[in-house]
C-alpha atoms as a PDB file:
ATOM      1  CA  UNK A   1     -10.520  -5.552 -17.048  1.00  0.00           C
ATOM      2  CA  UNK A   2     -13.902  -4.181 -18.162  1.00  0.00           C
ATOM      3  CA  UNK A   3     -16.093  -6.899 -16.700  1.00  0.00           C
ATOM      4  CA  UNK A   4     -18.979  -6.299 -19.069  1.00  0.00           C
ATOM      5  CA  UNK A   5     -16.686  -6.732 -22.073  1.00  0.00           C
ATOM      6  CA  UNK A   6     -15.094  -9.825 -20.508  1.00  0.00           C
ATOM      7  CA  UNK A   7     -18.538 -11.347 -19.949  1.00  0.00           C
ATOM      8  CA  UNK A   8     -19.558 -10.699 -23.560  1.00  0.00           C
ATOM      9  CA  UNK A   9     -16.288 -12.235 -24.792  1.00  0.00           C
ATOM     10  CA  UNK A  10     -16.813 -15.232 -22.517  1.00  0.00           C
ATOM     11  CA  UNK A  11     -20.374 -16.014 -23.649  1.00  0.00           C
ATOM     12  CA  UNK A  12     -19.543 -15.454 -27.323  1.00  0.00           C
ATOM     13  CA  UNK A  13     -17.286 -18.531 -27.320  1.00  0.00           C
ATOM     14  CA  UNK A  14     -18.816 -21.887 -28.235  1.00  0.00           C
ATOM     15  CA  UNK A  15     -16.754 -23.603 -25.519  1.00  0.00           C
ATOM     16  CA  UNK A  16     -15.837 -20.865 -22.998  1.00  0.00           C
ATOM     17  CA  UNK A  17     -14.423 -23.158 -20.299  1.00  0.00           C
ATOM     18  CA  UNK A  18     -13.234 -26.144 -22.335  1.00  0.00           C
ATOM     19  CA  UNK A  19     -15.188 -28.534 -20.102  1.00  0.00           C
ATOM     20  CA  UNK A  20     -18.014 -30.124 -22.160  1.00  0.00           C
ATOM     21  CA  UNK A  21     -20.467 -30.499 -19.263  1.00  0.00           C
ATOM     22  CA  UNK A  22     -19.919 -26.953 -17.975  1.00  0.00           C
ATOM     23  CA  UNK A  23     -20.092 -25.458 -21.479  1.00  0.00           C
ATOM     24  CA  UNK A  24     -23.367 -27.310 -22.143  1.00  0.00           C
ATOM     25  CA  UNK A  25     -24.802 -25.892 -18.902  1.00  0.00           C
ATOM     26  CA  UNK A  26     -23.690 -22.364 -19.857  1.00  0.00           C
ATOM     27  CA  UNK A  27     -25.357 -22.651 -23.282  1.00  0.00           C
ATOM     28  CA  UNK A  28     -28.573 -23.851 -21.602  1.00  0.00           C
ATOM     29  CA  UNK A  29     -28.501 -20.912 -19.183  1.00  0.00           C
ATOM     30  CA  UNK A  30     -27.881 -18.480 -22.045  1.00  0.00           C
ATOM     31  CA  UNK A  31     -30.851 -19.842 -23.995  1.00  0.00           C
ATOM     32  CA  UNK A  32     -33.063 -19.089 -20.998  1.00  0.00           C
ATOM     33  CA  UNK A  33     -31.659 -15.543 -20.754  1.00  0.00           C
ATOM     34  CA  UNK A  34     -32.150 -14.942 -24.508  1.00  0.00           C
ATOM     35  CA  UNK A  35     -35.735 -16.218 -24.394  1.00  0.00           C
ATOM     36  CA  UNK A  36     -36.433 -13.873 -21.488  1.00  0.00           C
ATOM     37  CA  UNK A  37     -34.882 -10.958 -23.392  1.00  0.00           C
ATOM     38  CA  UNK A  38     -37.123 -11.639 -26.383  1.00  0.00           C
ATOM     39  CA  UNK A  39     -40.195 -11.694 -24.154  1.00  0.00           C
ATOM     40  CA  UNK A  40     -39.129  -8.525 -22.308  1.00  0.00           C
ATOM     41  CA  UNK A  41     -37.871  -6.129 -25.014  1.00  0.00           C
ATOM     42  CA  UNK A  42     -36.304  -2.921 -23.787  1.00  0.00           C
ATOM     43  CA  UNK A  43     -35.591  -4.151 -20.278  1.00  0.00           C
ATOM     44  CA  UNK A  44     -32.055  -4.087 -18.860  1.00  0.00           C
ATOM     45  CA  UNK A  45     -30.268  -7.406 -18.336  1.00  0.00           C
ATOM     46  CA  UNK A  46     -28.611  -6.616 -15.026  1.00  0.00           C
ATOM     47  CA  UNK A  47     -31.348  -5.123 -12.895  1.00  0.00           C
ATOM     48  CA  UNK A  48     -34.439  -6.288 -11.060  1.00  0.00           C
ATOM     49  CA  UNK A  49     -36.761  -6.023 -14.069  1.00  0.00           C
ATOM     50  CA  UNK A  50     -35.974  -9.584 -15.199  1.00  0.00           C
ATOM     51  CA  UNK A  51     -37.852 -12.577 -13.674  1.00  0.00           C
ATOM     52  CA  UNK A  52     -35.980 -14.276 -10.795  1.00  0.00           C
ATOM     53  CA  UNK A  53     -35.294 -17.476 -12.786  1.00  0.00           C
ATOM     54  CA  UNK A  54     -33.620 -15.534 -15.611  1.00  0.00           C
ATOM     55  CA  UNK A  55     -31.646 -13.389 -13.161  1.00  0.00           C
ATOM     56  CA  UNK A  56     -30.427 -16.552 -11.417  1.00  0.00           C
ATOM     57  CA  UNK A  57     -29.371 -18.000 -14.785  1.00  0.00           C
ATOM     58  CA  UNK A  58     -27.473 -14.849 -15.714  1.00  0.00           C
ATOM     59  CA  UNK A  59     -25.848 -14.768 -12.279  1.00  0.00           C
ATOM     60  CA  UNK A  60     -24.588 -18.341 -12.744  1.00  0.00           C
ATOM     61  CA  UNK A  61     -23.144 -17.463 -16.164  1.00  0.00           C
ATOM     62  CA  UNK A  62     -21.430 -14.505 -14.484  1.00  0.00           C
ATOM     63  CA  UNK A  63     -20.044 -16.884 -11.859  1.00  0.00           C
ATOM     64  CA  UNK A  64     -18.475 -19.085 -14.539  1.00  0.00           C
ATOM     65  CA  UNK A  65     -17.077 -16.002 -16.300  1.00  0.00           C
ATOM     66  CA  UNK A  66     -15.575 -14.690 -13.054  1.00  0.00           C
ATOM     67  CA  UNK A  67     -14.010 -18.068 -12.268  1.00  0.00           C
ATOM     68  CA  UNK A  68     -12.524 -18.181 -15.775  1.00  0.00           C
ATOM     69  CA  UNK A  69     -11.064 -14.667 -15.386  1.00  0.00           C
ATOM     70  CA  UNK A  70      -9.757 -15.490 -11.886  1.00  0.00           C
ATOM     71  CA  UNK A  71      -7.930 -18.580 -13.139  1.00  0.00           C
ATOM     72  CA  UNK A  72      -6.146 -16.477 -15.784  1.00  0.00           C
ATOM     73  CA  UNK A  73      -4.620 -14.212 -13.127  1.00  0.00           C
ATOM     74  CA  UNK A  74      -1.234 -14.680 -11.410  1.00  0.00           C
ATOM     75  CA  UNK A  75      -1.292 -15.866  -7.800  1.00  0.00           C
ATOM     76  CA  UNK A  76      -0.526 -12.358  -6.501  1.00  0.00           C
ATOM     77  CA  UNK A  77      -3.681 -10.976  -8.158  1.00  0.00           C
ATOM     78  CA  UNK A  78      -5.749 -13.952  -7.018  1.00  0.00           C
ATOM     79  CA  UNK A  79      -4.756 -13.294  -3.401  1.00  0.00           C
ATOM     80  CA  UNK A  80      -5.702  -9.614  -3.702  1.00  0.00           C
ATOM     81  CA  UNK A  81      -9.015 -10.615  -5.302  1.00  0.00           C
ATOM     82  CA  UNK A  82      -9.915 -12.961  -2.436  1.00  0.00           C
ATOM     83  CA  UNK A  83      -8.755 -10.490   0.212  1.00  0.00           C
ATOM     84  CA  UNK A  84     -11.756  -8.292  -0.638  1.00  0.00           C
ATOM     85  CA  UNK A  85     -15.043  -8.375   1.257  1.00  0.00           C
ATOM     86  CA  UNK A  86     -17.590 -11.053   0.312  1.00  0.00           C
ATOM     87  CA  UNK A  87     -21.099  -9.916   1.252  1.00  0.00           C
ATOM     88  CA  UNK A  88     -22.710 -13.173   0.093  1.00  0.00           C
ATOM     89  CA  UNK A  89     -20.371 -16.104   0.912  1.00  0.00           C
ATOM     90  CA  UNK A  90     -22.400 -18.545  -1.211  1.00  0.00           C
ATOM     91  CA  UNK A  91     -20.090 -21.517  -1.788  1.00  0.00           C
ATOM     92  CA  UNK A  92     -21.177 -23.508  -4.887  1.00  0.00           C
ATOM     93  CA  UNK A  93     -22.113 -27.145  -4.354  1.00  0.00           C
ATOM     94  CA  UNK A  94     -21.139 -30.076  -6.579  1.00  0.00           C
ATOM     95  CA  UNK A  95     -18.187 -28.306  -8.156  1.00  0.00           C
ATOM     96  CA  UNK A  96     -14.615 -27.471  -7.188  1.00  0.00           C
ATOM     97  CA  UNK A  97     -13.951 -23.748  -6.793  1.00  0.00           C
ATOM     98  CA  UNK A  98     -11.161 -21.635  -5.279  1.00  0.00           C
ATOM     99  CA  UNK A  99     -11.986 -20.005  -1.939  1.00  0.00           C
ATOM    100  CA  UNK A 100     -10.227 -17.505   0.286  1.00  0.00           C
ATOM    101  CA  UNK A 101      -9.746 -18.688   3.875  1.00  0.00           C
ATOM    102  CA  UNK A 102      -9.906 -16.184   6.739  1.00  0.00           C
ATOM    103  CA  UNK A 103     -10.854 -15.749  10.380  1.00  0.00           C
ATOM    104  CA  UNK A 104      -9.792 -19.200  11.627  1.00  0.00           C
ATOM    105  CA  UNK A 105      -8.867 -19.234  15.327  1.00  0.00           C
ATOM    106  CA  UNK A 106      -7.087 -22.548  15.948  1.00  0.00           C
ATOM    107  CA  UNK A 107      -3.254 -22.711  15.752  1.00  0.00           C
ATOM    108  CA  UNK A 108      -3.482 -24.776  12.543  1.00  0.00           C
ATOM    109  CA  UNK A 109      -6.225 -22.528  11.163  1.00  0.00           C
ATOM    110  CA  UNK A 110      -4.224 -19.355  11.720  1.00  0.00           C
ATOM    111  CA  UNK A 111      -1.565 -20.736   9.390  1.00  0.00           C
ATOM    112  CA  UNK A 112      -4.210 -20.973   6.653  1.00  0.00           C
ATOM    113  CA  UNK A 113      -5.726 -17.504   7.054  1.00  0.00           C
ATOM    114  CA  UNK A 114      -5.330 -15.324   3.943  1.00  0.00           C
ATOM    115  CA  UNK A 115      -4.487 -18.348   1.774  1.00  0.00           C
ATOM    116  CA  UNK A 116      -6.409 -19.841  -1.145  1.00  0.00           C
ATOM    117  CA  UNK A 117      -7.946 -23.286  -0.789  1.00  0.00           C
ATOM    118  CA  UNK A 118     -10.222 -25.374  -2.990  1.00  0.00           C
ATOM    119  CA  UNK A 119     -13.809 -26.028  -1.999  1.00  0.00           C
ATOM    120  CA  UNK A 120     -14.714 -29.537  -3.145  1.00  0.00           C
ATOM    121  CA  UNK A 121     -18.380 -28.604  -3.338  1.00  0.00           C
ATOM    122  CA  UNK A 122     -19.543 -30.983  -0.602  1.00  0.00           C
ATOM    123  CA  UNK A 123     -21.058 -30.319   2.818  1.00  0.00           C
ATOM    124  CA  UNK A 124     -20.514 -32.372   5.937  1.00  0.00           C
ATOM    125  CA  UNK A 125     -22.926 -34.310   8.112  1.00  0.00           C
ATOM    126  CA  UNK A 126     -23.126 -35.094  11.810  1.00  0.00           C
ATOM    127  CA  UNK A 127     -20.445 -33.076  13.660  1.00  0.00           C
ATOM    128  CA  UNK A 128     -19.446 -31.366  10.381  1.00  0.00           C
ATOM    129  CA  UNK A 129     -22.984 -30.372   9.447  1.00  0.00           C
ATOM    130  CA  UNK A 130     -23.099 -26.944   7.802  1.00  0.00           C
ATOM    131  CA  UNK A 131     -19.383 -27.026   6.972  1.00  0.00           C
ATOM    132  CA  UNK A 132     -17.738 -27.225   3.560  1.00  0.00           C
ATOM    133  CA  UNK A 133     -14.952 -29.610   2.647  1.00  0.00           C
ATOM    134  CA  UNK A 134     -11.956 -27.479   1.665  1.00  0.00           C
ATOM    135  CA  UNK A 135      -8.628 -28.779   0.372  1.00  0.00           C
ATOM    136  CA  UNK A 136      -5.738 -26.774   1.778  1.00  0.00           C
ATOM    137  CA  UNK A 137      -2.011 -26.643   1.097  1.00  0.00           C
ATOM    138  CA  UNK A 138       0.451 -25.430   3.729  1.00  0.00           C
ATOM    139  CA  UNK A 139       3.998 -25.855   4.953  1.00  0.00           C
ATOM    140  CA  UNK A 140       4.491 -27.817   8.167  1.00  0.00           C
ATOM    141  CA  UNK A 141       7.096 -27.180  10.870  1.00  0.00           C
ATOM    142  CA  UNK A 142       9.815 -28.887   8.825  1.00  0.00           C
ATOM    143  CA  UNK A 143       9.017 -26.939   5.667  1.00  0.00           C
ATOM    144  CA  UNK A 144       7.344 -29.842   3.862  1.00  0.00           C
ATOM    145  CA  UNK A 145       4.226 -29.173   1.777  1.00  0.00           C
ATOM    146  CA  UNK A 146       1.138 -30.707   3.390  1.00  0.00           C
ATOM    147  CA  UNK A 147      -2.194 -31.181   1.601  1.00  0.00           C
ATOM    148  CA  UNK A 148      -5.145 -31.606   3.934  1.00  0.00           C
ATOM    149  CA  UNK A 149      -8.940 -31.537   3.703  1.00  0.00           C
ATOM    150  CA  UNK A 150     -10.696 -29.480   6.376  1.00  0.00           C
ATOM    151  CA  UNK A 151     -14.367 -28.984   7.191  1.00  0.00           C
ATOM    152  CA  UNK A 152     -14.802 -25.210   7.233  1.00  0.00           C
ATOM    153  CA  UNK A 153     -17.739 -22.930   8.045  1.00  0.00           C
ATOM    154  CA  UNK A 154     -18.899 -20.710   5.200  1.00  0.00           C
ATOM    155  CA  UNK A 155     -18.308 -17.708   7.511  1.00  0.00           C
ATOM    156  CA  UNK A 156     -14.585 -18.409   7.064  1.00  0.00           C
ATOM    157  CA  UNK A 157     -14.689 -18.642   3.272  1.00  0.00           C
ATOM    158  CA  UNK A 158     -14.743 -16.060   0.487  1.00  0.00           C
ATOM    159  CA  UNK A 159     -15.691 -16.950  -3.065  1.00  0.00           C
ATOM    160  CA  UNK A 160     -14.439 -15.586  -6.373  1.00  0.00           C
ATOM    161  CA  UNK A 161     -17.950 -14.689  -7.517  1.00  0.00           C
ATOM    162  CA  UNK A 162     -19.027 -13.305  -4.143  1.00  0.00           C
ATOM    163  CA  UNK A 163     -16.069 -10.926  -3.840  1.00  0.00           C
ATOM    164  CA  UNK A 164     -16.602  -9.810  -7.430  1.00  0.00           C
ATOM    165  CA  UNK A 165     -20.331  -9.156  -6.922  1.00  0.00           C
ATOM    166  CA  UNK A 166     -19.607  -7.315  -3.673  1.00  0.00           C
ATOM    167  CA  UNK A 167     -16.900  -5.033  -5.071  1.00  0.00           C
ATOM    168  CA  UNK A 168     -16.880  -4.825  -8.874  1.00  0.00           C
ATOM    169  CA  UNK A 169     -17.945  -1.917 -11.013  1.00  0.00           C
ATOM    170  CA  UNK A 170     -18.933  -2.401 -14.650  1.00  0.00           C
ATOM    171  CA  UNK A 171     -15.505  -1.078 -15.624  1.00  0.00           C
ATOM    172  CA  UNK A 172     -13.602  -3.540 -13.444  1.00  0.00           C
ATOM    173  CA  UNK A 173     -12.583  -4.807 -10.021  1.00  0.00           C
ATOM    174  CA  UNK A 174     -10.412  -2.213  -8.274  1.00  0.00           C
ATOM    175  CA  UNK A 175      -8.550  -3.035  -5.089  1.00  0.00           C
ATOM    176  CA  UNK A 176      -8.766   0.507  -3.679  1.00  0.00           C
ATOM    177  CA  UNK A 177     -11.809   2.052  -5.360  1.00  0.00           C
ATOM    178  CA  UNK A 178     -14.050  -0.798  -4.174  1.00  0.00           C
ATOM    179  CA  UNK A 179     -13.365   0.222  -0.568  1.00  0.00           C
ATOM    180  CA  UNK A 180     -15.153   3.555  -1.077  1.00  0.00           C
ATOM    181  CA  UNK A 181     -18.605   3.462   0.523  1.00  0.00           C
ATOM    182  CA  UNK A 182     -21.825   3.843  -1.440  1.00  0.00           C
ATOM    183  CA  UNK A 183     -24.141   6.831  -1.370  1.00  0.00           C
ATOM    184  CA  UNK A 184     -27.192   7.451  -3.544  1.00  0.00           C
ATOM    185  CA  UNK A 185     -25.959  11.085  -3.682  1.00  0.00           C
ATOM    186  CA  UNK A 186     -22.182  10.523  -3.883  1.00  0.00           C
ATOM    187  CA  UNK A 187     -19.447  13.142  -3.793  1.00  0.00           C
ATOM    188  CA  UNK A 188     -17.137  11.407  -6.307  1.00  0.00           C
ATOM    189  CA  UNK A 189     -17.343   9.551  -9.612  1.00  0.00           C
ATOM    190  CA  UNK A 190     -15.060   7.268 -11.654  1.00  0.00           C
ATOM    191  CA  UNK A 191     -13.564   8.501 -14.903  1.00  0.00           C
ATOM    192  CA  UNK A 192     -11.358   6.759 -17.463  1.00  0.00           C
ATOM    193  CA  UNK A 193      -7.752   7.988 -17.515  1.00  0.00           C
ATOM    194  CA  UNK A 194      -6.494   5.811 -20.371  1.00  0.00           C
ATOM    195  CA  UNK A 195      -8.287   3.649 -22.927  1.00  0.00           C
ATOM    196  CA  UNK A 196      -5.352   1.277 -23.468  1.00  0.00           C
ATOM    197  CA  UNK A 197      -5.043  -2.191 -21.923  1.00  0.00           C
ATOM    198  CA  UNK A 198      -5.101  -2.335 -19.001  1.00  0.00           C
ATOM    199  CA  UNK A 199      -7.469   0.617 -18.663  1.00  0.00           C
ATOM    200  CA  UNK A 200      -6.797   3.065 -15.837  1.00  0.00           C
ATOM    201  CA  UNK A 201      -9.423   4.934 -13.880  1.00  0.00           C
ATOM    202  CA  UNK A 202      -9.417   7.812 -11.421  1.00  0.00           C
ATOM    203  CA  UNK A 203     -11.788   8.906  -8.662  1.00  0.00           C
ATOM    204  CA  UNK A 204     -12.806  12.535  -9.225  1.00  0.00           C
ATOM    205  CA  UNK A 205     -14.685  14.800  -6.821  1.00  0.00           C
ATOM    206  CA  UNK A 206     -17.602  16.645  -8.408  1.00  0.00           C
ATOM    207  CA  UNK A 207     -18.381  18.780  -5.351  1.00  0.00           C
ATOM    208  CA  UNK A 208     -16.438  20.348  -2.480  1.00  0.00           C
ATOM    209  CA  UNK A 209     -15.390  17.744   0.100  1.00  0.00           C
ATOM    210  CA  UNK A 210     -14.529  18.862   3.606  1.00  0.00           C
ATOM    211  CA  UNK A 211     -11.374  17.656   5.350  1.00  0.00           C
ATOM    212  CA  UNK A 212     -12.181  14.402   7.134  1.00  0.00           C
ATOM    213  CA  UNK A 213     -15.373  13.825   5.136  1.00  0.00           C
ATOM    214  CA  UNK A 214     -15.669  10.332   3.674  1.00  0.00           C
ATOM    215  CA  UNK A 215     -15.523   9.717  -0.055  1.00  0.00           C
ATOM    216  CA  UNK A 216     -18.620   8.087  -1.558  1.00  0.00           C
ATOM    217  CA  UNK A 217     -19.547   6.543  -4.900  1.00  0.00           C
ATOM    218  CA  UNK A 218     -22.837   5.318  -6.304  1.00  0.00           C
ATOM    219  CA  UNK A 219     -22.907   1.555  -6.849  1.00  0.00           C
ATOM    220  CA  UNK A 220     -26.114   1.863  -8.869  1.00  0.00           C
ATOM    221  CA  UNK A 221     -26.213   1.890 -12.646  1.00  0.00           C
ATOM    222  CA  UNK A 222     -27.056   5.325 -13.991  1.00  0.00           C
ATOM    223  CA  UNK A 223     -30.547   5.817 -15.378  1.00  0.00           C
ATOM    224  CA  UNK A 224     -32.291   8.774 -16.964  1.00  0.00           C
ATOM    225  CA  UNK A 225     -35.219   8.544 -14.527  1.00  0.00           C
ATOM    226  CA  UNK A 226     -34.955   8.862 -10.759  1.00  0.00           C
ATOM    227  CA  UNK A 227     -35.637   5.930  -8.411  1.00  0.00           C
ATOM    228  CA  UNK A 228     -37.456   5.833  -5.104  1.00  0.00           C
ATOM    229  CA  UNK A 229     -35.678   4.926  -1.880  1.00  0.00           C
ATOM    230  CA  UNK A 230     -37.497   1.584  -1.789  1.00  0.00           C
ATOM    231  CA  UNK A 231     -36.349   0.601  -5.296  1.00  0.00           C
ATOM    232  CA  UNK A 232     -32.755   1.675  -4.648  1.00  0.00           C
ATOM    233  CA  UNK A 233     -32.601  -0.232  -1.374  1.00  0.00           C
ATOM    234  CA  UNK A 234     -34.025  -3.391  -2.978  1.00  0.00           C
ATOM    235  CA  UNK A 235     -31.480  -3.231  -5.801  1.00  0.00           C
ATOM    236  CA  UNK A 236     -28.527  -2.637  -3.471  1.00  0.00           C
ATOM    237  CA  UNK A 237     -29.622  -5.391  -1.078  1.00  0.00           C
ATOM    238  CA  UNK A 238     -29.889  -7.934  -3.887  1.00  0.00           C
ATOM    239  CA  UNK A 239     -26.713  -6.931  -5.731  1.00  0.00           C
ATOM    240  CA  UNK A 240     -24.405  -6.014  -2.845  1.00  0.00           C
ATOM    241  CA  UNK A 241     -25.993  -7.492   0.266  1.00  0.00           C
ATOM    242  CA  UNK A 242     -26.587  -4.329   2.317  1.00  0.00           C
ATOM    243  CA  UNK A 243     -29.471  -1.992   3.153  1.00  0.00           C
ATOM    244  CA  UNK A 244     -28.548   1.565   2.228  1.00  0.00           C
ATOM    245  CA  UNK A 245     -28.653   4.096   5.065  1.00  0.00           C
ATOM    246  CA  UNK A 246     -27.214   7.063   3.175  1.00  0.00           C
ATOM    247  CA  UNK A 247     -28.516  10.585   3.709  1.00  0.00           C
ATOM    248  CA  UNK A 248     -30.751  10.476   0.626  1.00  0.00           C
ATOM    249  CA  UNK A 249     -32.363   7.225   1.755  1.00  0.00           C
ATOM    250  CA  UNK A 250     -32.811   8.454   5.316  1.00  0.00           C
ATOM    251  CA  UNK A 251     -34.639  11.511   3.892  1.00  0.00           C
ATOM    252  CA  UNK A 252     -36.638   9.261   1.532  1.00  0.00           C
ATOM    253  CA  UNK A 253     -35.478  11.260  -1.503  1.00  0.00           C
ATOM    254  CA  UNK A 254     -35.819  10.087  -5.093  1.00  0.00           C
ATOM    255  CA  UNK A 255     -32.558  10.183  -7.035  1.00  0.00           C
END
């Protein structure tokens, strides 16, 4: 789905989640964002021009919108969603959220890799300090369903919002396209193939690409004016969690 449209649809509802406490929090966050927009006319909502507090508020609204969209998907899509890279791995506290489990080494843990658990939003103490309490469901040796709470490091958890922020384009979250690396001077671009639901997109080369040369896309929103290497790197680090080392950045080119 077009994530920008989904976000607008989500925030336009008076009760987007159906949970009174969560919906009240969302409305409070939106009031902060609207006040900031009124005080900063002409500035984009989704870039670094907004004050940190307003950006954090908008990011939390996005998190709720992504969780809502995730919960609408069939299990097969949810598993694909949480199989993607999470550059942030920020597990929310004080709320239950789905998490992807990966990279566990113990015999029991290996059975849970690539499954979806539920973070209970609490962190451990003493020997479990720094670990999150995650409710898991698995089949035991006799085929019975076993529900168990485990204390899991955040390094072994992926979040719905984190994978979306790490991989999504404005037009959607694409299982294959998101694996194309970024470049500030890319050799491909995304174009709409159909405008029906669900929309389809294609990756199109706009220059000659040599055999064996990697495909690249720009993760940055298009602007009429060029940006310095410093500004591009700051934006990419905040939004996607990496420092760009593309050819244009290495040459300190504006683009």
